[in-house]
Protein backbone atom coordinates (compact mmCIF):
# COMPACT_ATOMS: atom_id res chain seq x y z
CA UNK A 1 -20.10 35.51 -59.36
CA UNK A 2 -17.13 33.28 -60.32
CA UNK A 3 -16.04 33.06 -56.82
CA UNK A 4 -19.46 31.92 -55.66
CA UNK A 5 -19.56 29.25 -58.48
CA UNK A 6 -16.03 28.06 -57.50
CA UNK A 7 -17.01 27.93 -53.83
CA UNK A 8 -20.12 25.86 -54.54
CA UNK A 9 -17.96 23.51 -56.62
CA UNK A 10 -15.63 22.88 -53.64
CA UNK A 11 -18.39 22.39 -51.12
CA UNK A 12 -20.03 19.95 -53.60
CA UNK A 13 -16.80 18.00 -54.03
CA UNK A 14 -16.28 17.88 -50.21
CA UNK A 15 -19.77 16.75 -49.85
CA UNK A 16 -19.06 13.83 -52.37
CA UNK A 17 -15.96 12.75 -50.50
CA UNK A 18 -16.98 13.06 -46.92
CA UNK A 19 -19.83 11.24 -45.12
CA UNK A 20 -23.25 12.94 -44.77
CA UNK A 21 -23.29 15.18 -41.69
CA UNK A 22 -25.95 16.75 -39.56
CA UNK A 23 -25.21 18.39 -36.44
CA UNK A 24 -27.43 18.45 -33.34
CA UNK A 25 -29.67 21.45 -33.12
CA UNK A 26 -29.19 23.83 -30.27
CA UNK A 27 -31.06 22.72 -27.32
CA UNK A 28 -31.26 19.07 -28.40
CA UNK A 29 -28.39 16.54 -28.04
CA UNK A 30 -29.98 13.57 -29.74
CA UNK A 31 -29.27 13.65 -33.47
CA UNK A 32 -28.44 11.16 -36.10
CA UNK A 33 -28.05 10.90 -39.87
CA UNK A 34 -28.99 7.95 -41.87
CA UNK A 35 -25.76 6.50 -43.35
CA UNK A 36 -23.96 3.38 -44.04
CA UNK A 37 -22.45 2.12 -40.75
CA UNK A 38 -18.95 0.69 -40.98
CA UNK A 39 -17.90 -2.64 -39.75
CA UNK A 40 -18.30 -2.32 -36.05
CA UNK A 41 -15.83 -4.80 -34.47
CA UNK A 42 -13.76 -3.03 -31.80
CA UNK A 43 -10.90 -5.10 -30.19
CA UNK A 44 -12.14 -7.45 -27.69
CA UNK A 45 -11.85 -6.29 -24.04
CA UNK A 46 -11.74 -8.34 -20.72
CA UNK A 47 -14.32 -8.63 -18.11
CA UNK A 48 -12.22 -8.17 -14.98
CA UNK A 49 -9.61 -5.69 -14.04
CA UNK A 50 -7.42 -4.76 -10.96
CA UNK A 51 -7.33 -1.34 -9.56
CA UNK A 52 -5.43 0.87 -12.09
CA UNK A 53 -2.30 2.66 -10.88
CA UNK A 54 -3.78 5.98 -12.18
CA UNK A 55 -6.72 5.57 -9.85
CA UNK A 56 -4.49 4.89 -6.81
CA UNK A 57 -2.36 7.83 -7.82
CA UNK A 58 -5.16 10.38 -8.07
CA UNK A 59 -7.47 8.71 -5.53
CA UNK A 60 -10.63 10.52 -6.76
CA UNK A 61 -12.80 8.48 -4.45
CA UNK A 62 -11.49 10.46 -1.52
CA UNK A 63 -12.99 13.56 -2.99
CA UNK A 64 -16.51 12.31 -3.34
CA UNK A 65 -17.44 13.40 0.18
CA UNK A 66 -16.90 16.92 -1.21
CA UNK A 67 -18.01 16.49 -4.86
CA UNK A 68 -18.75 13.82 -7.32
CA UNK A 69 -19.34 16.20 -10.21
CA UNK A 70 -23.09 15.88 -9.74
CA UNK A 71 -25.10 17.43 -12.38
CA UNK A 72 -22.20 18.85 -14.41
CA UNK A 73 -22.72 18.38 -18.11
CA UNK A 74 -19.44 16.89 -19.76
CA UNK A 75 -19.37 16.61 -23.44
CA UNK A 76 -17.20 13.62 -24.75
CA UNK A 77 -16.26 14.64 -28.38
CA UNK A 78 -14.99 11.26 -29.63
CA UNK A 79 -15.98 7.84 -31.37
CA UNK A 80 -19.12 7.49 -29.55
CA UNK A 81 -19.93 5.55 -26.27
CA UNK A 82 -20.91 2.16 -25.58
CA UNK A 83 -24.61 2.53 -24.53
CA UNK A 84 -24.81 -0.93 -23.05
CA UNK A 85 -21.87 -0.70 -20.66
CA UNK A 86 -23.15 -1.13 -16.93
CA UNK A 87 -20.94 1.69 -15.63
CA UNK A 88 -21.81 4.30 -18.25
CA UNK A 89 -24.89 6.32 -18.16
CA UNK A 90 -25.47 9.03 -20.90
CA UNK A 91 -27.53 12.04 -20.43
CA UNK A 92 -27.53 12.66 -24.13
CA UNK A 93 -25.92 11.70 -27.44
CA UNK A 94 -25.52 12.94 -31.00
CA UNK A 95 -24.13 11.24 -34.01
CA UNK A 96 -22.48 13.81 -36.38
CA UNK A 97 -20.95 11.17 -38.62
CA UNK A 98 -24.12 9.40 -39.75
CA UNK A 99 -23.15 5.85 -38.76
CA UNK A 100 -25.05 5.31 -35.68
CA UNK A 101 -24.44 5.87 -31.94
CA UNK A 102 -22.19 2.71 -31.45
CA UNK A 103 -18.61 3.11 -30.55
CA UNK A 104 -16.89 0.93 -33.19
CA UNK A 105 -13.38 1.83 -32.12
CA UNK A 106 -13.48 1.87 -28.25
CA UNK A 107 -11.68 5.14 -27.76
CA UNK A 108 -14.80 7.21 -26.85
CA UNK A 109 -15.99 4.54 -24.48
CA UNK A 110 -12.52 4.56 -22.61
CA UNK A 111 -12.54 8.39 -22.48
CA UNK A 112 -16.08 8.47 -21.06
CA UNK A 113 -15.18 5.86 -18.38
CA UNK A 114 -12.32 7.81 -17.13
CA UNK A 115 -14.45 10.84 -16.69
CA UNK A 116 -17.60 9.48 -15.26
CA UNK A 117 -17.83 5.65 -14.96
CA UNK A 118 -20.18 4.77 -12.07
CA UNK A 119 -18.88 3.11 -8.93
CA UNK A 120 -20.06 -0.46 -8.70
CA UNK A 121 -19.38 -2.47 -5.65
CA UNK A 122 -17.00 -5.29 -6.46
CA UNK A 123 -15.52 -3.55 -9.53
CA UNK A 124 -12.21 -1.96 -8.96
CA UNK A 125 -12.51 0.57 -11.80
CA UNK A 126 -14.59 3.76 -11.49
CA UNK A 127 -14.54 7.22 -13.04
CA UNK A 128 -13.20 10.54 -11.56
CA UNK A 129 -16.58 12.21 -11.47
CA UNK A 130 -19.36 9.65 -11.41
CA UNK A 131 -21.95 12.26 -10.88
CA UNK A 132 -21.28 14.05 -13.99
CA UNK A 133 -23.86 13.94 -16.88
CA UNK A 134 -22.01 12.44 -19.85
CA UNK A 135 -22.90 13.88 -23.23
CA UNK A 136 -21.60 11.83 -26.28
CA UNK A 137 -20.79 13.77 -29.54
CA UNK A 138 -19.63 11.15 -32.06
CA UNK A 139 -17.56 12.97 -34.83
CA UNK A 140 -15.38 10.06 -36.15
CA UNK A 141 -15.31 6.35 -36.76
CA UNK A 142 -11.62 6.03 -36.61
CA UNK A 143 -8.71 6.17 -34.16
CA UNK A 144 -7.17 8.89 -36.35
CA UNK A 145 -7.90 12.46 -35.74
CA UNK A 146 -11.24 12.56 -37.73
CA UNK A 147 -12.84 15.48 -39.70
CA UNK A 148 -11.94 18.94 -38.42
CA UNK A 149 -15.26 20.26 -39.67
CA UNK A 150 -17.18 17.71 -37.62
CA UNK A 151 -14.97 18.45 -34.62
CA UNK A 152 -15.93 22.13 -35.02
CA UNK A 153 -19.55 21.31 -35.29
CA UNK A 154 -19.37 19.03 -32.18
CA UNK A 155 -17.82 21.86 -30.18
CA UNK A 156 -20.31 24.34 -31.00
CA UNK A 157 -23.15 21.83 -30.47
CA UNK A 158 -21.85 20.98 -27.02
CA UNK A 159 -21.61 24.70 -26.10
CA UNK A 160 -25.04 25.31 -27.19
CA UNK A 161 -26.33 22.25 -25.30
CA UNK A 162 -24.88 23.86 -22.04
CA UNK A 163 -21.94 21.57 -21.52
CA UNK A 164 -19.82 22.96 -18.65
CA UNK A 165 -16.82 20.78 -19.56
CA UNK A 166 -15.84 19.79 -23.14
CA UNK A 167 -13.34 17.01 -23.50
CA UNK A 168 -11.34 16.70 -26.83
CA UNK A 169 -9.14 13.70 -26.94
CA UNK A 170 -7.90 14.32 -30.46
CA UNK A 171 -5.69 16.78 -32.27
CA UNK A 172 -5.64 18.68 -35.56
CA UNK A 173 -3.77 21.54 -37.25
CA UNK A 174 -4.56 25.13 -36.50
CA UNK A 175 -7.84 26.26 -38.33
CA UNK A 176 -9.52 29.64 -37.97
CA UNK A 177 -12.96 28.12 -37.90
CA UNK A 178 -11.68 25.72 -35.11
CA UNK A 179 -10.41 28.66 -33.11
CA UNK A 180 -13.73 30.49 -33.59
CA UNK A 181 -15.51 27.45 -32.17
CA UNK A 182 -13.19 27.32 -29.16
CA UNK A 183 -13.81 31.03 -28.54
CA UNK A 184 -17.48 30.41 -28.91
CA UNK A 185 -17.52 27.66 -26.35
CA UNK A 186 -15.30 29.55 -23.86
CA UNK A 187 -17.76 32.48 -24.17
CA UNK A 188 -20.61 30.00 -23.30
CA UNK A 189 -18.63 29.32 -20.03
CA UNK A 190 -17.37 25.77 -21.04
CA UNK A 191 -14.08 24.52 -19.68
CA UNK A 192 -12.33 22.97 -22.65
CA UNK A 193 -9.82 20.27 -22.05
CA UNK A 194 -7.81 18.86 -24.88
CA UNK A 195 -4.98 16.22 -25.40
CA UNK A 196 -1.53 17.63 -26.19
CA UNK A 197 -1.21 15.01 -28.80
CA UNK A 198 1.32 11.96 -29.31
CA UNK A 199 4.45 11.99 -31.22
CA UNK A 200 6.60 9.02 -32.40
CA UNK A 201 9.98 8.69 -34.03
CA UNK A 202 8.21 8.44 -37.45
CA UNK A 203 6.55 12.00 -37.01
CA UNK A 204 9.71 13.88 -37.67
CA UNK A 205 9.64 17.35 -36.18
CA UNK A 206 6.69 17.65 -33.82
CA UNK A 207 4.29 20.53 -34.08
CA UNK A 208 1.70 22.02 -31.67
CA UNK A 209 -1.53 20.39 -31.48
CA UNK A 210 -4.97 22.11 -31.75
CA UNK A 211 -7.26 22.70 -30.08
CA UNK A 212 -4.98 22.19 -27.12
CA UNK A 213 -2.68 24.93 -28.13
CA UNK A 214 -5.42 27.69 -28.24
CA UNK A 215 -5.43 30.21 -25.30
CA UNK A 216 -8.01 29.37 -22.73
CA UNK A 217 -7.76 25.65 -23.32
CA UNK A 218 -6.54 23.21 -20.67
CA UNK A 219 -3.78 21.31 -22.72
CA UNK A 220 -3.05 17.95 -21.06
CA UNK A 221 0.26 15.99 -21.39
CA UNK A 222 0.69 12.32 -20.40
CA UNK A 223 2.60 10.81 -17.38
CA UNK A 224 3.46 7.18 -16.77
CA UNK A 225 3.19 5.23 -13.47
CA UNK A 226 6.35 6.72 -12.15
CA UNK A 227 4.94 10.21 -12.56
CA UNK A 228 7.44 11.11 -15.31
CA UNK A 229 6.43 12.58 -18.67
CA UNK A 230 5.66 9.80 -21.17
CA UNK A 231 8.06 9.70 -24.10
CA UNK A 232 5.19 10.09 -26.57
CA UNK A 233 3.63 13.19 -25.06
CA UNK A 234 3.99 16.15 -27.35
CA UNK A 235 6.10 18.88 -25.77
CA UNK A 236 5.51 21.29 -28.54
CA UNK A 237 1.95 21.86 -27.48
CA UNK A 238 1.52 24.34 -24.67
CA UNK A 239 0.60 21.99 -21.63
CA UNK A 240 -1.23 23.34 -18.59
CA UNK A 241 -1.18 20.13 -16.51
CA UNK A 242 -0.37 16.48 -17.04
CA UNK A 243 -2.50 13.47 -16.15
CA UNK A 244 -2.14 9.72 -16.27
CA UNK A 245 -1.71 8.58 -19.88
CA UNK A 246 0.30 5.51 -19.93
CA UNK A 247 -0.70 1.87 -19.16
CA UNK A 248 -4.33 3.06 -18.62
CA UNK A 249 -7.25 0.95 -17.80
CA UNK A 250 -10.87 1.92 -18.68
CA UNK A 251 -14.26 0.89 -19.93
CA UNK A 252 -14.61 -0.77 -23.32
CA UNK A 253 -17.38 -1.66 -25.82
CA UNK A 254 -19.26 -4.78 -24.96
CA UNK A 255 -19.45 -4.23 -21.33
CA UNK A 256 -15.78 -4.94 -20.91
CA UNK A 257 -12.57 -3.24 -20.01
CA UNK A 258 -9.36 -2.41 -21.75
CA UNK A 259 -5.86 -2.34 -20.28
CA UNK A 260 -2.52 -0.94 -21.42
CA UNK A 261 -3.95 2.07 -23.09
CA UNK A 262 -1.43 4.76 -23.94
CA UNK A 263 -1.92 8.31 -25.18
CA UNK A 264 -2.51 11.92 -24.10
CA UNK A 265 -6.12 11.20 -25.11
CA UNK A 266 -6.41 9.25 -22.20
CA UNK A 267 -4.64 11.91 -19.84
CA UNK A 268 -7.21 14.55 -20.98
CA UNK A 269 -10.27 12.94 -19.51
CA UNK A 270 -8.68 12.64 -16.05
CA UNK A 271 -8.38 16.39 -16.05
CA UNK A 272 -11.93 16.86 -17.37
CA UNK A 273 -13.13 14.68 -14.68
CA UNK A 274 -11.42 16.90 -12.26
CA UNK A 275 -12.97 19.94 -13.98
CA UNK A 276 -16.43 18.50 -13.35
CA UNK A 277 -15.64 18.04 -9.66
CA UNK A 278 -14.58 21.62 -9.20
CA UNK A 279 -17.58 22.93 -11.22
CA UNK A 280 -19.96 21.00 -8.98
CA UNK A 281 -18.16 22.16 -5.81
CA UNK A 282 -17.87 25.81 -6.96
CA UNK A 283 -20.83 26.49 -9.26
CA UNK A 284 -20.14 30.26 -9.14
CA UNK A 285 -16.70 30.01 -10.64
CA UNK A 286 -16.51 30.82 -14.39
CA UNK A 287 -14.52 28.59 -16.77
CA UNK A 288 -11.35 30.70 -16.68
CA UNK A 289 -11.48 30.51 -12.72
CA UNK A 290 -11.90 26.73 -12.83
CA UNK A 291 -9.03 26.35 -15.27
CA UNK A 292 -6.74 28.59 -13.05
CA UNK A 293 -7.62 26.57 -9.97
CA UNK A 294 -6.82 23.21 -11.58
CA UNK A 295 -3.49 24.65 -12.82
CA UNK A 296 -2.63 26.37 -9.41
CA UNK A 297 -3.26 23.17 -7.37
CA UNK A 298 -1.43 20.67 -9.62
CA UNK A 299 1.59 18.90 -8.20
CA UNK A 300 4.39 20.98 -9.28
CA UNK A 301 6.92 20.01 -11.93
CA UNK A 302 9.42 21.52 -14.21
CA UNK A 303 10.48 20.78 -17.71
CA UNK A 304 8.92 21.22 -21.25
CA UNK A 305 5.50 19.41 -21.67
CA UNK A 306 4.79 19.10 -17.95
CA UNK A 307 2.89 22.48 -17.34
CA UNK A 308 2.16 22.90 -13.61
CA UNK A 309 2.44 19.12 -12.82
CA UNK A 310 0.21 16.25 -12.20
CA UNK A 311 -3.47 17.20 -11.85
CA UNK A 312 -4.51 16.87 -8.18
CA UNK A 313 -8.20 16.21 -7.52
CA UNK A 314 -8.21 16.77 -3.79
CA UNK A 315 -6.43 20.04 -3.92
CA UNK A 316 -8.45 21.25 -6.83
CA UNK A 317 -11.65 20.83 -4.87
CA UNK A 318 -10.50 21.77 -1.38
CA UNK A 319 -7.68 24.15 -1.55
CA UNK A 320 -8.32 27.68 -0.27
CA UNK A 321 -6.72 29.99 -2.87
CA UNK A 322 -5.98 33.76 -2.07
CA UNK A 323 -8.13 36.43 -3.59
CA UNK A 324 -6.75 37.84 -6.87
CA UNK A 325 -7.94 40.19 -9.54
CA UNK A 326 -9.76 38.30 -12.51
CA UNK A 327 -6.74 38.76 -14.75
CA UNK A 328 -3.99 37.83 -12.16
CA UNK A 329 -2.48 34.49 -11.89
CA UNK A 330 -3.64 32.23 -9.17
CA UNK A 331 -0.97 30.91 -6.78
CA UNK A 332 -1.51 28.04 -4.42
CA UNK A 333 -0.96 28.89 -0.73
CA UNK A 334 2.57 27.79 0.30
CA UNK A 335 2.78 24.65 2.50
CA UNK A 336 2.93 25.44 6.28
CA UNK A 337 6.41 25.77 7.51
CA UNK A 338 7.44 22.78 9.61
CA UNK A 339 8.12 23.29 13.37
CA UNK A 340 11.93 23.56 14.24
CA UNK A 341 13.26 20.58 16.07
CA UNK A 342 13.73 22.65 19.15
CA UNK A 343 10.06 23.49 19.40
CA UNK A 344 9.24 20.12 20.97
CA UNK A 345 11.34 19.03 23.94
CA UNK A 346 12.19 15.35 24.01
CA UNK A 347 11.30 13.40 27.27
CA UNK A 348 14.57 12.56 29.10
CA UNK A 349 15.60 8.90 29.36
CA UNK A 350 14.70 6.89 32.39
CA UNK A 351 17.56 6.75 35.01
CA UNK A 352 17.48 3.19 36.10
CA UNK A 353 20.48 3.62 38.61
CA UNK A 354 18.77 6.51 40.22
CA UNK A 355 15.47 4.42 40.78
CA UNK A 356 17.50 1.47 42.22
CA UNK A 357 19.36 3.95 44.65
CA UNK A 358 16.23 5.51 45.84
CA UNK A 359 14.58 2.10 46.45
CA UNK A 360 17.72 1.04 48.63
CA UNK A 361 17.65 4.22 50.56
CA UNK A 362 13.94 3.84 51.12
CA UNK A 363 14.44 0.27 52.30
CA UNK A 364 17.17 1.15 54.70
CA UNK A 365 15.22 4.12 56.15
CA UNK A 366 12.25 1.77 56.82
CA UNK A 367 14.45 -0.84 58.33
CA UNK A 368 16.09 1.73 60.54
CA UNK A 369 12.78 3.00 61.65
CA UNK A 370 11.59 -0.39 62.54
CA UNK A 371 14.85 -1.16 64.64
CA UNK A 372 14.32 2.13 66.53
CA UNK A 373 10.76 1.20 67.46
CA UNK A 374 11.87 -2.26 68.55
CA UNK A 375 14.61 -0.88 70.74
CA UNK A 376 12.20 1.53 72.45
CA UNK A 377 9.96 -1.39 73.42
CA UNK A 378 12.56 -3.98 74.24
CA UNK A 379 15.11 -1.99 76.36
CA UNK A 380 12.70 -0.69 79.01
CA UNK A 381 11.34 -4.26 79.49
CA UNK A 382 14.88 -5.76 79.90
CA UNK A 383 15.78 -3.04 82.41
CA UNK A 384 12.63 -3.84 84.53
CA UNK A 385 13.72 -7.50 84.62
CA UNK A 386 17.39 -6.65 85.25
CA UNK A 387 18.07 -8.25 81.98
CA UNK A 388 17.17 -11.69 83.29
CA UNK A 389 15.50 -14.09 80.82
CA UNK A 390 11.86 -14.39 81.13
CA UNK A 391 10.11 -17.28 82.77
CA UNK A 392 8.70 -20.05 80.39
CA UNK A 393 5.02 -19.94 80.19
């Protein structure tokens, strides 16, 4: 009895400190709670951008003839998504904070854009999987990690809604209820992609980030424009693959764009977008097989925090992987062995001297033949005249 009273007191205290929360009911994404909205003034973006290096590096547009991620529900568990951005179309939204659907930070809008921003002619930025159905689950109003309890609620709600890919671009500490929510979503056949977390010199000794460190989750580290691991990418988190996460460009509130974004939280949505491409291309694959395919087709790398290397959209969608038991690791087929140099015979160089000699011999032969013909005509005529000159005409 005393334990129940204490538990009720703790819950009441938490309720008094935390904002009111109401999760989306199963089968319904839309949901909101009346609450005091914070000052909504995200940093100002810009209206025009060039083609980002990450987009050139991964070249997702080259994959669209095979898959655009069409129809795949992708949950973005973040700070919300700008509903007015011309390149973003939401298939559903839920506000678990109670402050409205607006993205007052910009983080969630950028993550959603990397995953599924629509292609617009004349705009150099687009998402990895523009055909995906974006579902926004707002669980925080800050760039910090947010409330773990709301993160748990969002993961479960996304799984109940049928999300096939769940992107979590935040980190927290290990929590039994969080692990349970992850297991629940995996059992619902959702591919969970999570950021490995960022570290700085002020962090002291880095520790593993969750939910990226749980088994079955695609933990994602960040790479820079040179393809090397970013200095801030957490190497203590078990990383499956890496994605572009430094000097990133993406969509931003106000119908704008942001440049120079850094963090593993921006690397994760690149991998989530690739997961949507794979799920649309191979609808019969379960979440574990999709995860193994993405790992098996990454551009190989070695070293802590790099996992299998940079995610590769084209190979993830098009590679033919060998058959393996369900519990066996997948290995990508080895690259074809190059032909030896002796397999192709080089054409011999042209012998100009031989050609000249042949032309000279041919000319001499023709001249000699003409001389013989002339002699056979002239000599008999000369004999008949006694070699006297002919009379003038």
